[in-house]
Each structure stands twice: as structure tokens, then as C-alpha cells.
Amino acid sequence: MHVILSAILLALAILDLVLGTSFLVDPASAASDFGLAIVSTHGESTLRGDMTAFFYVTAFSLAWGAWKRRGDVMWPALGLFGIAFTGRFINVIAQGPYEGWMVPMVVEAFHCIVIIVAMRAWGVPKPDV
């Protein structure tokens, strides 16, 4: 089970690394995939910086956790994707569903579920005293 869990986490880390890189290299194209449009240089800069950071921090957190089999280093990824999922859920309740709303929520929920399973399976290492 540990090998399969590590493989899933590494696959998610690669996905997040690819998404982050797409925002870094070509934010306009990446933004359109997310239903966003860049209307100014300020917006392009924000997408390039913030979305790249979101996905890179998640990718690093998942890869490190999978490599070392440590649940504690995946808290940043869980926080980011948990908050993203919550925000989307609130939007669906407040505004109603829209075309394609389910796919990103499934991806975010899957991230959260896999991270929680890994955290429970691997736990948090005890500090050396």
C-alpha cells in the first residue's frame, strides 16, 4: 500500500508541477484552461506568480512527503487544496453550478483524500529528544 500511495502522490506532484510550469511559461493559455482571462499586465503577473507558487508548493510538498513517507510535510498541500475546494464549494452554493464545475472540485477533493490517507498511514515523525 505504501508504494501505491507514494506513486499516486508522485503522480499528483508531477501534475501540479506541469500546471505550475504552464502558468510560469504561458500564463494566458493556462489561464484560459481555468476559465480566466488576462486583461492587463498586472493580471498576467498575478497569475504567473500566484498560480505558479500554488502549484509548485503543492508539488514540492507532495513529492517530499511521498519520497520520505512523511505525512507532516504535506500540510501545505492539504491546506492549499482544502481551501481551494472550500472556495469552489461556497461558489457552487452561492452562484449555482456552471459548465465544468465538477472537474476541478473532483481533482481538489482527490488531492485532499490522498493526502489525508497518506498522513494517516505514515503519521508524523516523533522529534528527537
C-alpha atoms as a PDB file:
ATOM      1  CA  MET A   1       0.000   0.000   0.000  1.00  0.00           C
ATOM      2  CA  HIS A   2       2.844   2.411   0.815  1.00  0.00           C
ATOM      3  CA  VAL A   3       4.350   2.040  -2.656  1.00  0.00           C
ATOM      4  CA  ILE A   4       0.988   2.657  -4.345  1.00  0.00           C
ATOM      5  CA  LEU A   5       0.323   5.670  -2.130  1.00  0.00           C
ATOM      6  CA  SER A   6       3.768   7.081  -2.918  1.00  0.00           C
ATOM      7  CA  ALA A   7       3.180   6.534  -6.639  1.00  0.00           C
ATOM      8  CA  ILE A   8      -0.175   8.338  -6.546  1.00  0.00           C
ATOM      9  CA  LEU A   9       1.337  11.249  -4.617  1.00  0.00           C
ATOM     10  CA  LEU A  10       4.245  11.499  -7.052  1.00  0.00           C
ATOM     11  CA  ALA A  11       1.828  11.445 -10.000  1.00  0.00           C
ATOM     12  CA  LEU A  12      -0.146  14.286  -8.404  1.00  0.00           C
ATOM     13  CA  ALA A  13       3.113  16.157  -7.747  1.00  0.00           C
ATOM     14  CA  ILE A  14       4.057  15.826 -11.424  1.00  0.00           C
ATOM     15  CA  LEU A  15       0.599  17.050 -12.470  1.00  0.00           C
ATOM     16  CA  ASP A  16       0.936  20.068 -10.164  1.00  0.00           C
ATOM     17  CA  LEU A  17       4.469  20.751 -11.405  1.00  0.00           C
ATOM     18  CA  VAL A  18       3.224  20.730 -15.011  1.00  0.00           C
ATOM     19  CA  LEU A  19       0.323  23.053 -14.137  1.00  0.00           C
ATOM     20  CA  GLY A  20       2.628  25.418 -12.257  1.00  0.00           C
ATOM     21  CA  THR A  21       5.100  25.462 -15.122  1.00  0.00           C
ATOM     22  CA  SER A  22       2.322  26.204 -17.612  1.00  0.00           C
ATOM     23  CA  PHE A  23       1.374  29.294 -15.577  1.00  0.00           C
ATOM     24  CA  LEU A  24       5.027  30.328 -15.383  1.00  0.00           C
ATOM     25  CA  VAL A  25       5.777  29.882 -19.095  1.00  0.00           C
ATOM     26  CA  ASP A  26       2.451  30.756 -20.756  1.00  0.00           C
ATOM     27  CA  PRO A  27       0.023  32.282 -18.258  1.00  0.00           C
ATOM     28  CA  ALA A  28      -2.513  33.340 -20.904  1.00  0.00           C
ATOM     29  CA  SER A  29      -3.013  29.814 -22.214  1.00  0.00           C
ATOM     30  CA  ALA A  30      -3.001  28.287 -18.730  1.00  0.00           C
ATOM     31  CA  ALA A  31      -5.479  30.898 -17.524  1.00  0.00           C
ATOM     32  CA  SER A  32      -7.925  30.117 -20.314  1.00  0.00           C
ATOM     33  CA  ASP A  33      -7.839  26.444 -19.297  1.00  0.00           C
ATOM     34  CA  PHE A  34      -9.029  27.591 -15.858  1.00  0.00           C
ATOM     35  CA  GLY A  35     -11.758  29.868 -17.210  1.00  0.00           C
ATOM     36  CA  LEU A  36      -9.729  33.029 -16.610  1.00  0.00           C
ATOM     37  CA  ALA A  37      -8.793  35.867 -18.952  1.00  0.00           C
ATOM     38  CA  ILE A  38      -5.824  38.188 -18.632  1.00  0.00           C
ATOM     39  CA  VAL A  39      -6.862  41.802 -19.188  1.00  0.00           C
ATOM     40  CA  SER A  40      -3.714  43.597 -18.000  1.00  0.00           C
ATOM     41  CA  THR A  41      -0.033  43.103 -17.302  1.00  0.00           C
ATOM     42  CA  HIS A  42      -0.915  43.255 -13.613  1.00  0.00           C
ATOM     43  CA  GLY A  43      -3.271  40.307 -14.049  1.00  0.00           C
ATOM     44  CA  GLU A  44      -0.681  38.369 -16.025  1.00  0.00           C
ATOM     45  CA  SER A  45       1.902  38.986 -13.317  1.00  0.00           C
ATOM     46  CA  THR A  46      -0.533  37.892 -10.620  1.00  0.00           C
ATOM     47  CA  LEU A  47      -1.399  34.669 -12.425  1.00  0.00           C
ATOM     48  CA  ARG A  48       2.241  33.935 -13.234  1.00  0.00           C
ATOM     49  CA  GLY A  49       3.333  34.459  -9.637  1.00  0.00           C
ATOM     50  CA  ASP A  50       0.415  33.220  -7.561  1.00  0.00           C
ATOM     51  CA  MET A  51      -0.678  30.208  -9.575  1.00  0.00           C
ATOM     52  CA  THR A  52       2.904  29.052 -10.101  1.00  0.00           C
ATOM     53  CA  ALA A  53       3.506  29.335  -6.360  1.00  0.00           C
ATOM     54  CA  PHE A  54       0.276  27.464  -5.553  1.00  0.00           C
ATOM     55  CA  PHE A  55       1.136  24.513  -7.767  1.00  0.00           C
ATOM     56  CA  TYR A  56       4.897  24.448  -7.076  1.00  0.00           C
ATOM     57  CA  VAL A  57       4.458  24.497  -3.286  1.00  0.00           C
ATOM     58  CA  THR A  58       1.923  21.697  -3.601  1.00  0.00           C
ATOM     59  CA  ALA A  59       4.156  19.666  -5.933  1.00  0.00           C
ATOM     60  CA  PHE A  60       7.170  20.030  -3.642  1.00  0.00           C
ATOM     61  CA  SER A  61       5.131  19.153  -0.560  1.00  0.00           C
ATOM     62  CA  LEU A  62       3.629  16.038  -2.160  1.00  0.00           C
ATOM     63  CA  ALA A  63       6.906  14.845  -3.683  1.00  0.00           C
ATOM     64  CA  TRP A  64       8.816  15.306  -0.432  1.00  0.00           C
ATOM     65  CA  GLY A  65       6.091  13.569   1.565  1.00  0.00           C
ATOM     66  CA  ALA A  66       5.954  10.664  -0.899  1.00  0.00           C
ATOM     67  CA  TRP A  67       9.739  10.323  -1.059  1.00  0.00           C
ATOM     68  CA  LYS A  68      10.270  10.381   2.716  1.00  0.00           C
ATOM     69  CA  ARG A  69       6.883   8.829   3.544  1.00  0.00           C
ATOM     70  CA  ARG A  70       6.178  11.610   5.993  1.00  0.00           C
ATOM     71  CA  GLY A  71       2.682  12.933   6.473  1.00  0.00           C
ATOM     72  CA  ASP A  72       3.702  16.121   8.248  1.00  0.00           C
ATOM     73  CA  VAL A  73       5.362  17.722   5.216  1.00  0.00           C
ATOM     74  CA  MET A  74       2.116  17.514   3.246  1.00  0.00           C
ATOM     75  CA  TRP A  75       0.223  20.009   5.437  1.00  0.00           C
ATOM     76  CA  PRO A  76       0.892  22.870   2.974  1.00  0.00           C
ATOM     77  CA  ALA A  77      -0.584  20.882   0.065  1.00  0.00           C
ATOM     78  CA  LEU A  78      -3.601  19.862   2.139  1.00  0.00           C
ATOM     79  CA  GLY A  79      -4.153  23.458   3.213  1.00  0.00           C
ATOM     80  CA  LEU A  80      -3.932  24.836  -0.316  1.00  0.00           C
ATOM     81  CA  PHE A  81      -6.200  22.252  -1.918  1.00  0.00           C
ATOM     82  CA  GLY A  82      -8.590  22.161   1.041  1.00  0.00           C
ATOM     83  CA  ILE A  83      -9.083  25.921   0.874  1.00  0.00           C
ATOM     84  CA  ALA A  84      -9.435  25.806  -2.929  1.00  0.00           C
ATOM     85  CA  PHE A  85     -12.087  23.087  -2.647  1.00  0.00           C
ATOM     86  CA  THR A  86     -13.930  25.014   0.069  1.00  0.00           C
ATOM     87  CA  GLY A  87     -13.929  28.189  -2.030  1.00  0.00           C
ATOM     88  CA  ARG A  88     -15.326  26.350  -5.039  1.00  0.00           C
ATOM     89  CA  PHE A  89     -17.965  24.662  -2.863  1.00  0.00           C
ATOM     90  CA  ILE A  90     -19.076  28.022  -1.482  1.00  0.00           C
ATOM     91  CA  ASN A  91     -19.262  29.394  -5.023  1.00  0.00           C
ATOM     92  CA  VAL A  92     -21.422  26.491  -6.233  1.00  0.00           C
ATOM     93  CA  ILE A  93     -23.790  27.066  -3.296  1.00  0.00           C
ATOM     94  CA  ALA A  94     -23.857  30.863  -3.718  1.00  0.00           C
ATOM     95  CA  GLN A  95     -23.928  31.120  -7.530  1.00  0.00           C
ATOM     96  CA  GLY A  96     -25.126  27.700  -8.585  1.00  0.00           C
ATOM     97  CA  PRO A  97     -23.348  25.163 -10.752  1.00  0.00           C
ATOM     98  CA  TYR A  98     -21.783  26.156 -14.057  1.00  0.00           C
ATOM     99  CA  GLU A  99     -20.483  24.182 -17.008  1.00  0.00           C
ATOM    100  CA  GLY A 100     -17.429  22.192 -15.961  1.00  0.00           C
ATOM    101  CA  TRP A 101     -17.669  22.973 -12.236  1.00  0.00           C
ATOM    102  CA  MET A 102     -17.275  19.371 -11.138  1.00  0.00           C
ATOM    103  CA  VAL A 103     -13.882  18.517 -12.684  1.00  0.00           C
ATOM    104  CA  PRO A 104     -11.728  20.923 -10.636  1.00  0.00           C
ATOM    105  CA  MET A 105     -13.604  20.021  -7.467  1.00  0.00           C
ATOM    106  CA  VAL A 106     -13.014  16.307  -8.060  1.00  0.00           C
ATOM    107  CA  VAL A 107      -9.305  16.957  -8.640  1.00  0.00           C
ATOM    108  CA  GLU A 108      -9.071  19.039  -5.457  1.00  0.00           C
ATOM    109  CA  ALA A 109     -11.058  16.515  -3.414  1.00  0.00           C
ATOM    110  CA  PHE A 110      -8.888  13.673  -4.742  1.00  0.00           C
ATOM    111  CA  HIS A 111      -5.750  15.570  -3.714  1.00  0.00           C
ATOM    112  CA  CYS A 112      -7.183  16.067  -0.209  1.00  0.00           C
ATOM    113  CA  ILE A 113      -8.304  12.454   0.182  1.00  0.00           C
ATOM    114  CA  VAL A 114      -4.958  11.021  -0.935  1.00  0.00           C
ATOM    115  CA  ILE A 115      -3.055  13.415   1.338  1.00  0.00           C
ATOM    116  CA  ILE A 116      -5.230  12.541   4.346  1.00  0.00           C
ATOM    117  CA  VAL A 117      -4.833   8.813   3.680  1.00  0.00           C
ATOM    118  CA  ALA A 118      -1.051   9.256   3.438  1.00  0.00           C
ATOM    119  CA  MET A 119      -0.930  11.325   6.626  1.00  0.00           C
ATOM    120  CA  ARG A 120      -2.852   8.658   8.494  1.00  0.00           C
ATOM    121  CA  ALA A 121      -0.756   5.840   7.026  1.00  0.00           C
ATOM    122  CA  TRP A 122       2.630   7.445   7.638  1.00  0.00           C
ATOM    123  CA  GLY A 123       1.896   9.670  10.599  1.00  0.00           C
ATOM    124  CA  VAL A 124       4.097  12.414  11.929  1.00  0.00           C
ATOM    125  CA  PRO A 125       7.637  11.537  12.987  1.00  0.00           C
ATOM    126  CA  LYS A 126       8.452  11.985  16.647  1.00  0.00           C
ATOM    127  CA  PRO A 127      11.032  14.701  17.398  1.00  0.00           C
ATOM    128  CA  ASP A 128      14.429  13.559  18.593  1.00  0.00           C
ATOM    129  CA  VAL A 129      14.799  14.455  22.247  1.00  0.00           C
END
